[in-house]
């Protein structure tokens, strides 16, 4: 049985026999300053951006993720089975805005919320252009 490099802690109260290989896509610079919260079957796990490997016992697993700022955003969940000796890859991408859901799956995910981000930037740009135009017109 080949075990991946272990970066996480075992889930409390369970002898490990398989692994969840969780990649939190992005970084503090490209996503959020706050690392998303990870719950494995309800247990909060210590994580970091990048690869996090958790030894787990075989069985059904639920991965719930979100980011907490003033409210929880980027919520995403995934349920799957882990067989003995199996490593299950999981990828999570937090959204670009606090108004979108996160993306989670067994393959690399696209960052959600691009449309919302573009709309917010467009409104902001129009606001700035409007203020500059008013300044020019009155001056």
Protein backbone atom coordinates (compact mmCIF):
# COMPACT_ATOMS: atom_id res chain seq x y z
CA UNK A 1 0.00 0.00 0.00
CA UNK A 2 1.52 3.33 -1.07
CA UNK A 3 0.78 6.14 1.30
CA UNK A 4 0.92 9.76 0.09
CA UNK A 5 2.95 12.30 1.98
CA UNK A 6 0.89 12.99 5.09
CA UNK A 7 0.35 16.69 5.74
CA UNK A 8 -2.84 16.55 7.83
CA UNK A 9 -3.79 14.92 11.10
CA UNK A 10 -5.87 11.74 11.36
CA UNK A 11 -9.57 12.26 11.93
CA UNK A 12 -10.13 12.02 15.71
CA UNK A 13 -11.21 8.60 17.02
CA UNK A 14 -10.59 6.66 13.80
CA UNK A 15 -7.69 4.37 12.85
CA UNK A 16 -6.43 5.36 9.37
CA UNK A 17 -6.49 2.93 6.43
CA UNK A 18 -7.07 5.26 3.46
CA UNK A 19 -6.43 8.90 2.58
CA UNK A 20 -8.27 12.00 1.46
CA UNK A 21 -5.88 14.07 -0.66
CA UNK A 22 -7.44 17.54 -0.49
CA UNK A 23 -6.07 20.41 -2.57
CA UNK A 24 -7.28 23.87 -1.61
CA UNK A 25 -6.65 25.77 -4.82
CA UNK A 26 -5.19 29.26 -4.72
CA UNK A 27 -3.21 31.09 -2.06
CA UNK A 28 -3.54 33.99 0.36
CA UNK A 29 -2.70 36.29 -2.56
CA UNK A 30 -4.96 34.76 -5.24
CA UNK A 31 -7.97 33.66 -3.17
CA UNK A 32 -8.71 34.85 0.35
CA UNK A 33 -6.56 35.91 3.25
CA UNK A 34 -8.44 33.32 5.31
CA UNK A 35 -7.86 29.64 4.58
CA UNK A 36 -11.21 27.87 4.00
CA UNK A 37 -12.60 25.75 6.84
CA UNK A 38 -12.64 21.99 6.18
CA UNK A 39 -14.98 19.56 7.94
CA UNK A 40 -14.44 15.82 7.43
CA UNK A 41 -17.59 14.05 8.64
CA UNK A 42 -18.22 17.05 10.89
CA UNK A 43 -14.68 17.25 12.35
CA UNK A 44 -12.88 20.54 11.66
CA UNK A 45 -9.41 19.84 10.33
CA UNK A 46 -6.29 22.05 10.27
CA UNK A 47 -5.51 23.05 6.68
CA UNK A 48 -3.47 25.31 4.47
CA UNK A 49 -3.64 26.38 0.84
CA UNK A 50 -2.26 23.68 -1.41
CA UNK A 51 -2.16 19.96 -0.67
CA UNK A 52 -3.56 18.52 2.57
CA UNK A 53 -3.50 14.73 3.04
CA UNK A 54 -5.69 13.19 5.74
CA UNK A 55 -5.42 9.55 6.86
CA UNK A 56 -8.97 8.19 7.29
CA UNK A 57 -10.65 4.84 7.90
CA UNK A 58 -12.55 3.20 5.02
CA UNK A 59 -16.17 4.21 4.61
CA UNK A 60 -18.44 7.08 3.60
CA UNK A 61 -16.94 10.55 3.91
CA UNK A 62 -18.49 14.01 3.69
CA UNK A 63 -16.22 16.97 2.99
CA UNK A 64 -17.83 20.32 3.79
CA UNK A 65 -15.96 23.56 3.10
CA UNK A 66 -16.56 27.27 3.50
CA UNK A 67 -14.77 30.52 4.24
CA UNK A 68 -15.73 32.59 7.28
CA UNK A 69 -15.35 36.35 7.16
CA UNK A 70 -18.32 38.29 8.52
CA UNK A 71 -20.50 35.47 7.15
CA UNK A 72 -19.90 32.01 5.73
CA UNK A 73 -19.41 31.98 1.96
CA UNK A 74 -18.00 29.67 -0.66
CA UNK A 75 -19.92 26.73 0.80
CA UNK A 76 -19.41 23.43 -1.00
CA UNK A 77 -19.87 19.75 -0.07
CA UNK A 78 -18.82 16.42 -1.52
CA UNK A 79 -19.68 12.87 -0.36
CA UNK A 80 -17.77 9.76 -1.45
CA UNK A 81 -16.48 6.39 -0.26
CA UNK A 82 -12.88 5.62 0.68
CA UNK A 83 -11.79 1.98 0.31
CA UNK A 84 -8.95 0.46 2.32
CA UNK A 85 -5.61 1.61 0.88
CA UNK A 86 -7.32 4.09 -1.46
CA UNK A 87 -6.35 7.74 -1.89
CA UNK A 88 -9.26 9.92 -2.99
CA UNK A 89 -8.35 13.25 -4.60
CA UNK A 90 -10.54 16.26 -3.72
CA UNK A 91 -10.14 19.78 -5.11
CA UNK A 92 -11.78 22.94 -3.75
CA UNK A 93 -11.84 26.44 -5.27
CA UNK A 94 -13.23 29.35 -3.28
CA UNK A 95 -15.29 31.93 -5.19
CA UNK A 96 -14.06 35.35 -6.33
CA UNK A 97 -16.85 37.08 -4.39
CA UNK A 98 -18.51 36.50 -1.05
CA UNK A 99 -21.85 35.97 -2.78
CA UNK A 100 -21.05 32.75 -4.65
CA UNK A 101 -20.76 29.08 -3.75
CA UNK A 102 -17.42 27.31 -3.78
CA UNK A 103 -16.56 24.52 -6.23
CA UNK A 104 -15.56 21.04 -5.08
CA UNK A 105 -14.91 17.80 -6.95
CA UNK A 106 -12.43 15.03 -7.70
CA UNK A 107 -10.66 17.07 -10.42
CA UNK A 108 -9.22 20.58 -10.47
CA UNK A 109 -12.05 23.14 -10.19
CA UNK A 110 -12.70 26.44 -11.96
CA UNK A 111 -12.98 29.44 -9.64
CA UNK A 112 -16.68 30.35 -9.22
CA UNK A 113 -18.06 33.88 -9.20
CA UNK A 114 -16.27 35.31 -12.22
CA UNK A 115 -19.47 36.89 -13.59
CA UNK A 116 -20.28 38.48 -10.22
CA UNK A 117 -16.73 39.81 -9.92
CA UNK A 118 -16.87 41.32 -13.43
CA UNK A 119 -20.25 42.95 -12.66
CA UNK A 120 -18.96 44.44 -9.40
CA UNK A 121 -15.86 45.80 -11.16
CA UNK A 122 -18.01 47.24 -14.02
CA UNK A 123 -20.30 49.05 -11.55
CA UNK A 124 -17.28 50.38 -9.68
CA UNK A 125 -15.68 51.58 -12.91
CA UNK A 126 -18.91 53.31 -14.00
CA UNK A 127 -19.13 55.00 -10.59
CA UNK A 128 -15.56 56.32 -10.86
CA UNK A 129 -16.08 57.48 -14.47
CA UNK A 130 -19.28 59.25 -13.37
CA UNK A 131 -17.51 61.09 -10.54
CA UNK A 132 -14.65 62.14 -12.87
CA UNK A 133 -17.17 63.32 -15.50
CA UNK A 134 -19.05 65.38 -12.89
CA UNK A 135 -15.77 66.92 -11.73
CA UNK A 136 -14.78 67.85 -15.29
CA UNK A 137 -18.25 69.24 -16.10
CA UNK A 138 -18.38 71.43 -12.98
CA UNK A 139 -14.77 72.63 -13.22
